Protein backbone atom coordinates (compact mmCIF):
# COMPACT_ATOMS: atom_id res chain seq x y z
CA MET A 1 10.63 5.93 -0.86
CA GLY A 2 8.36 6.70 -3.78
CA ALA A 3 8.80 9.53 -6.21
CA PHE A 4 8.35 13.10 -4.97
CA SER A 5 5.16 14.42 -6.55
CA VAL A 6 2.62 17.24 -6.42
CA VAL A 7 -1.02 16.55 -7.29
CA TYR A 8 -3.51 19.01 -8.76
CA LYS A 9 -7.25 18.64 -9.28
CA ILE A 10 -8.34 19.81 -12.75
CA GLN A 11 -11.62 19.67 -14.63
CA HIS A 12 -11.40 17.97 -18.03
CA THR A 13 -14.05 19.97 -19.90
CA GLY A 14 -13.95 17.77 -22.98
CA ALA A 15 -14.72 14.61 -21.01
CA ASN A 16 -16.83 16.44 -18.40
CA ARG A 17 -14.94 14.88 -15.50
CA TRP A 18 -12.44 15.78 -12.81
CA ILE A 19 -8.95 14.37 -13.11
CA ALA A 20 -5.85 14.48 -10.93
CA ILE A 21 -2.65 15.84 -12.47
CA LYS A 22 0.44 14.39 -10.83
CA LYS A 23 3.64 16.38 -11.27
CA ILE A 24 6.63 14.09 -10.82
CA ASP A 25 10.25 15.06 -10.20
CA ASP A 26 11.74 11.61 -10.38
CA GLU A 27 12.91 9.11 -13.00
CA SER A 28 10.61 6.48 -11.48
CA VAL A 29 7.84 8.03 -13.61
CA VAL A 30 9.09 5.79 -16.41
CA ASN A 31 8.48 2.72 -14.27
CA GLU A 32 5.08 3.96 -13.12
CA VAL A 33 3.84 4.59 -16.66
CA GLN A 34 5.06 1.20 -17.87
CA VAL A 35 3.42 -0.59 -14.97
CA LEU A 36 0.12 1.28 -15.36
CA LYS A 37 0.02 0.55 -19.09
CA GLU A 38 0.53 -3.15 -18.43
CA LEU A 39 -2.07 -3.16 -15.66
CA THR A 40 -4.51 -1.37 -17.97
CA ARG A 41 -3.96 -4.10 -20.54
CA GLN A 42 -4.65 -6.72 -17.88
CA LYS A 43 -7.74 -4.81 -16.68
CA ASN A 44 -9.15 -4.82 -20.20
CA LYS A 45 -8.99 -8.61 -20.11
CA THR A 46 -10.71 -8.88 -16.72
CA PRO A 47 -12.43 -5.52 -16.06
CA LEU A 48 -14.04 -6.43 -12.73
CA ALA A 49 -10.90 -8.01 -11.29
CA GLY A 50 -8.82 -4.94 -12.11
CA ASN A 51 -11.19 -2.29 -10.85
CA TYR A 52 -9.00 -1.55 -7.83
CA ILE A 53 -6.12 0.09 -9.70
CA ILE A 54 -6.23 3.83 -10.43
CA ASP A 55 -6.67 4.66 -14.13
CA LEU A 56 -3.95 6.45 -16.07
CA VAL A 57 -5.68 9.00 -18.33
CA GLY A 58 -2.57 10.35 -20.05
CA LYS A 59 1.00 11.62 -19.80
CA LEU A 60 2.58 14.95 -20.75
CA SER A 61 6.22 16.04 -20.81
CA LEU A 62 6.74 19.81 -20.65
CA LYS A 63 10.05 21.61 -20.12
CA LYS A 64 11.73 18.50 -18.69
CA GLN A 65 8.83 18.07 -16.29
CA VAL A 66 6.52 15.07 -16.41
CA TYR A 67 2.79 15.22 -15.65
CA LEU A 68 0.52 12.21 -15.31
CA ALA A 69 -3.24 12.61 -15.70
CA MET A 70 -4.92 10.18 -13.32
CA GLU A 71 -8.43 9.22 -12.38
CA TYR A 72 -9.63 11.56 -9.61
CA ALA A 73 -10.52 10.08 -6.21
CA PRO A 74 -13.21 12.31 -4.63
CA LYS A 75 -12.99 10.75 -1.16
CA GLY A 76 -9.24 11.30 -0.81
CA ASN A 77 -7.07 8.52 0.56
CA LEU A 78 -7.23 5.99 3.38
CA ASP A 79 -4.96 8.10 5.58
CA ALA A 80 -7.42 11.00 5.55
CA PHE A 81 -10.35 8.62 6.03
CA PHE A 82 -9.27 7.13 9.34
CA LYS A 83 -7.96 10.48 10.61
CA ASN A 84 -11.43 11.92 10.01
CA HIS A 85 -12.92 9.13 12.13
CA LYS A 86 -10.61 9.30 15.17
CA GLN A 87 -13.32 10.09 17.70
CA ILE A 88 -16.05 7.52 17.20
CA PRO A 89 -18.58 6.76 19.95
CA VAL A 90 -19.31 3.11 20.73
CA THR A 91 -22.76 3.44 19.19
CA SER A 92 -21.23 4.39 15.82
CA TRP A 93 -18.71 1.54 15.47
CA GLU A 94 -21.05 -0.64 13.43
CA ALA A 95 -21.79 2.23 11.03
CA TYR A 96 -18.04 2.87 10.69
CA TRP A 97 -17.34 -0.76 9.80
CA LYS A 98 -20.17 -0.83 7.26
CA ILE A 99 -17.94 1.51 5.26
CA SER A 100 -14.55 0.23 6.40
CA TYR A 101 -15.11 -3.51 6.06
CA PRO A 102 -15.74 -3.38 2.28
CA ILE A 103 -12.57 -1.28 1.95
CA VAL A 104 -10.61 -4.16 3.52
CA VAL A 105 -12.20 -6.76 1.22
CA GLN A 106 -11.70 -4.67 -1.91
CA CYS A 107 -8.07 -3.87 -1.05
CA ILE A 108 -7.44 -7.61 -0.85
CA LYS A 109 -9.06 -8.08 -4.26
CA GLY A 110 -6.92 -5.28 -5.67
CA MET A 111 -3.75 -6.86 -4.32
CA GLN A 112 -4.76 -10.23 -5.77
CA PHE A 113 -5.18 -8.61 -9.18
CA LEU A 114 -1.83 -6.83 -8.96
CA HIS A 115 0.01 -10.00 -7.93
CA ASN A 116 -1.75 -12.11 -10.56
CA ALA A 117 -0.49 -9.58 -13.11
CA GLY A 118 3.04 -10.39 -11.91
CA TYR A 119 3.78 -7.26 -9.86
CA ALA A 120 4.36 -6.36 -6.22
CA HIS A 121 3.35 -2.78 -5.39
CA TRP A 122 6.26 -2.37 -2.96
CA ASP A 123 5.06 0.91 -1.42
CA ILE A 124 1.73 0.04 0.18
CA LYS A 125 0.63 2.68 2.69
CA PRO A 126 -2.65 4.52 3.35
CA GLN A 127 -1.60 7.51 1.23
CA ASN A 128 -1.37 5.15 -1.77
CA ILE A 129 -4.87 3.75 -1.30
CA LEU A 130 -7.33 6.20 -2.84
CA LEU A 131 -11.08 6.20 -2.20
CA MET A 132 -13.62 6.75 -4.95
CA SER A 133 -17.09 8.30 -4.61
CA THR A 134 -18.62 5.32 -2.78
CA PHE A 135 -15.43 4.57 -0.82
CA GLU A 136 -14.21 1.79 -3.09
CA PRO A 137 -10.39 1.72 -2.80
CA LYS A 138 -7.91 1.94 -5.65
CA PHE A 139 -4.14 1.52 -5.41
CA CYS A 140 -1.98 4.31 -6.81
CA ASP A 141 1.68 5.40 -6.99
CA PHE A 142 3.50 2.60 -8.78
CA GLY A 143 6.91 4.28 -8.84
CA LEU A 144 8.54 1.46 -6.85
CA THR A 145 6.47 -1.38 -8.28
CA LYS A 146 8.56 -4.33 -9.41
CA ALA A 147 8.03 -7.68 -11.08
CA ILE A 148 7.66 -10.46 -8.53
CA GLY A 149 10.91 -12.38 -8.30
CA SER A 150 13.11 -9.49 -9.42
CA GLN A 151 15.97 -8.14 -7.35
CA VAL A 152 15.12 -5.70 -4.55
CA GLU A 153 16.74 -2.33 -5.22
CA GLN A 154 14.52 -0.01 -3.18
CA VAL A 155 11.77 -0.36 -0.62
CA GLY A 156 8.91 1.89 0.42
CA SER A 157 8.29 3.73 3.68
CA PRO A 158 10.08 1.90 6.54
CA SER A 159 7.03 2.15 8.84
CA TYR A 160 5.19 -0.19 6.44
CA CYS A 161 8.08 -2.55 5.71
CA ALA A 162 8.11 -6.24 6.53
CA PRO A 163 10.83 -7.50 8.91
CA GLU A 164 12.94 -8.91 6.08
CA LEU A 165 12.85 -5.55 4.27
CA LEU A 166 13.87 -3.70 7.42
CA GLU A 167 16.85 -6.04 7.66
CA PHE A 168 17.64 -5.20 4.04
CA LEU A 169 17.48 -1.47 4.83
CA GLN A 170 19.65 -1.89 7.89
CA LYS A 171 22.32 -3.80 5.97
CA GLU A 172 22.22 -1.30 3.12
CA SER A 173 22.66 1.49 5.65
CA LEU A 174 25.65 -0.29 7.16
CA LYS A 175 27.07 -0.80 3.69
CA GLU A 176 26.80 2.90 2.90
CA ASN A 177 28.43 3.83 6.20
CA ARG A 178 31.11 1.15 6.30
CA VAL A 179 34.65 2.21 7.13
CA GLU A 180 36.68 3.08 4.06
CA GLY A 181 39.13 0.32 3.18
CA GLN A 182 37.03 -2.51 4.61
CA GLU A 183 38.20 -5.73 2.97
CA LYS A 184 34.79 -7.40 2.52
CA PRO A 185 32.01 -5.00 1.53
CA LEU A 186 28.60 -5.97 2.85
CA THR A 187 26.20 -7.41 0.29
CA HIS A 188 22.58 -8.39 0.73
CA SER A 189 20.46 -10.12 -1.88
CA LEU A 190 16.67 -10.13 -1.64
CA LYS A 191 13.89 -10.88 -4.10
CA VAL A 192 10.62 -9.00 -4.57
CA THR A 193 7.82 -11.13 -3.12
CA ARG A 194 4.09 -11.11 -2.54
CA ALA A 195 4.81 -11.49 1.17
CA GLY A 196 6.38 -8.03 1.38
CA ASP A 197 3.14 -6.51 0.09
CA TYR A 198 1.06 -8.67 2.42
CA PHE A 199 2.83 -7.34 5.50
CA ALA A 200 2.59 -3.74 4.30
CA LEU A 201 -1.16 -4.06 3.64
CA GLY A 202 -1.77 -5.33 7.16
CA ILE A 203 -0.58 -2.05 8.67
CA PRO A 204 -3.16 0.22 6.93
CA PHE A 205 -5.77 -2.35 7.99
CA TRP A 206 -4.55 -1.94 11.58
CA GLU A 207 -4.66 1.85 11.17
CA LEU A 208 -8.21 1.54 9.87
CA ALA A 209 -9.13 -0.47 12.98
CA ALA A 210 -7.26 1.85 15.36
CA ARG A 211 -8.27 5.02 13.48
CA LYS A 212 -4.76 6.40 13.85
CA GLU A 213 -1.36 6.23 12.19
CA ALA A 214 1.11 3.51 13.04
CA PRO A 215 3.97 4.89 15.17
CA GLU A 216 6.75 6.37 13.04
CA ASN A 217 9.90 4.97 14.59
CA ASP A 218 13.37 5.38 13.18
CA LEU A 219 15.02 2.43 11.44
CA THR A 220 16.89 1.26 14.55
CA GLU A 221 13.70 1.14 16.62
CA LEU A 222 11.76 -0.56 13.85
CA VAL A 223 14.41 -3.26 13.50
CA GLU A 224 14.55 -3.79 17.25
CA ASN A 225 10.77 -4.04 17.65
CA ARG A 226 9.62 -5.62 14.40
CA VAL A 227 12.61 -7.83 13.60
CA ASN A 228 14.33 -8.72 16.87
CA LYS A 229 11.28 -8.76 19.16
CA ALA A 230 8.68 -9.70 16.50
CA ALA A 231 6.45 -7.09 18.15
CA ARG A 232 3.14 -6.08 16.56
CA TYR A 233 0.63 -3.33 17.29
CA GLY A 234 -2.22 -4.30 19.60
CA ILE A 235 -5.52 -4.78 17.79
CA PRO A 236 -8.39 -2.65 19.20
CA GLU A 237 -11.34 -4.47 20.76
CA SER A 238 -13.71 -2.64 18.41
CA CYS A 239 -12.12 -4.39 15.40
CA PRO A 240 -14.28 -7.16 13.88
CA VAL A 241 -12.85 -10.61 14.60
CA LYS A 242 -12.38 -11.44 10.92
CA VAL A 243 -10.45 -8.23 10.25
CA ALA A 244 -8.28 -8.91 13.30
CA THR A 245 -7.54 -12.38 11.92
CA VAL A 246 -6.59 -10.88 8.55
CA ILE A 247 -4.24 -8.37 10.20
CA GLN A 248 -2.56 -11.13 12.19
CA SER A 249 -2.16 -13.36 9.12
CA LEU A 250 -0.65 -10.59 7.00
CA GLY A 251 1.73 -9.63 9.81
CA HIS A 252 3.26 -13.06 10.33
CA GLN A 253 6.98 -12.93 11.11
CA ASP A 254 7.70 -15.76 8.66
CA PRO A 255 7.04 -14.43 5.13
CA THR A 256 6.16 -17.93 3.86
CA LYS A 257 3.23 -18.05 6.31
CA ARG A 258 1.62 -14.75 5.31
CA ARG A 259 -1.61 -15.27 3.39
CA LEU A 260 -4.31 -13.23 1.71
CA PRO A 261 -7.69 -14.57 2.84
CA ASP A 262 -10.43 -15.85 0.56
CA THR A 263 -12.50 -12.76 -0.24
CA MET A 264 -15.64 -14.85 -0.79
CA GLU A 265 -15.35 -16.04 2.81
CA LEU A 266 -14.77 -12.48 4.02
CA GLU A 267 -17.84 -11.17 2.21
CA GLU A 268 -20.06 -13.66 4.05
CA VAL A 269 -18.86 -12.61 7.52
CA SER A 270 -20.74 -10.28 9.87
CA ILE A 271 -19.11 -6.89 10.43
CA THR A 272 -20.16 -6.70 14.09
CA PRO A 273 -17.21 -5.59 16.26
CA SER A 274 -15.59 -8.18 18.50
CA LEU A 275 -16.83 -6.56 21.74
């Protein structure tokens, strides 16, 4: 899980802007700051490509407490967005997707930028996708972010984990609970991959289409359904065909077959629901 944090909204009078102050009670702040600094460096090289990562304004350490000053997202996060649109009449679906479809496309662009910079976010979920004033999404919370190809040490929220990461969690849980004196301790080696992020991103896209949260099962149920049965959530009929195809591609059981779509192709597609 990511770092425990509390977020405050504060007006920066000198810069005449609102900023978010994130109070962090976890050592992962060191990782988050390092990652954001590197991503900022990459964004300066390709400003448009990196416009989907939240800006780090500054950092302050006070009485052993760390505060990060972040760009403020006036529209909240993706979780709040689809919860606010739970009850949508059929006549309003097209209007809903006129806002939601660009969010999907821009999230894909943001993930492409992050991966091209050499990182996997590793804690993709709707709470970590912020929405700016015109609903453009930006990824935040990089406490678990790791270099692609590095060793997996932690994973994000189980509900958004790929099958291979759920297996990792299950084996780690067994290792922690193994009988004392066992001759051969359990070990499980796994590398950080793009595919883990791909799967995680597909679930917020499904939530956007369903306008509700994915079921929060315990680890045993998740492993049984997602790993053993390869079960996936049913895609609503009101979901545009192209978005449904993206969700299915990102949720492939085989990590080597998960793909991010070509965003140019997505931008040319009609947003009319599949009904």
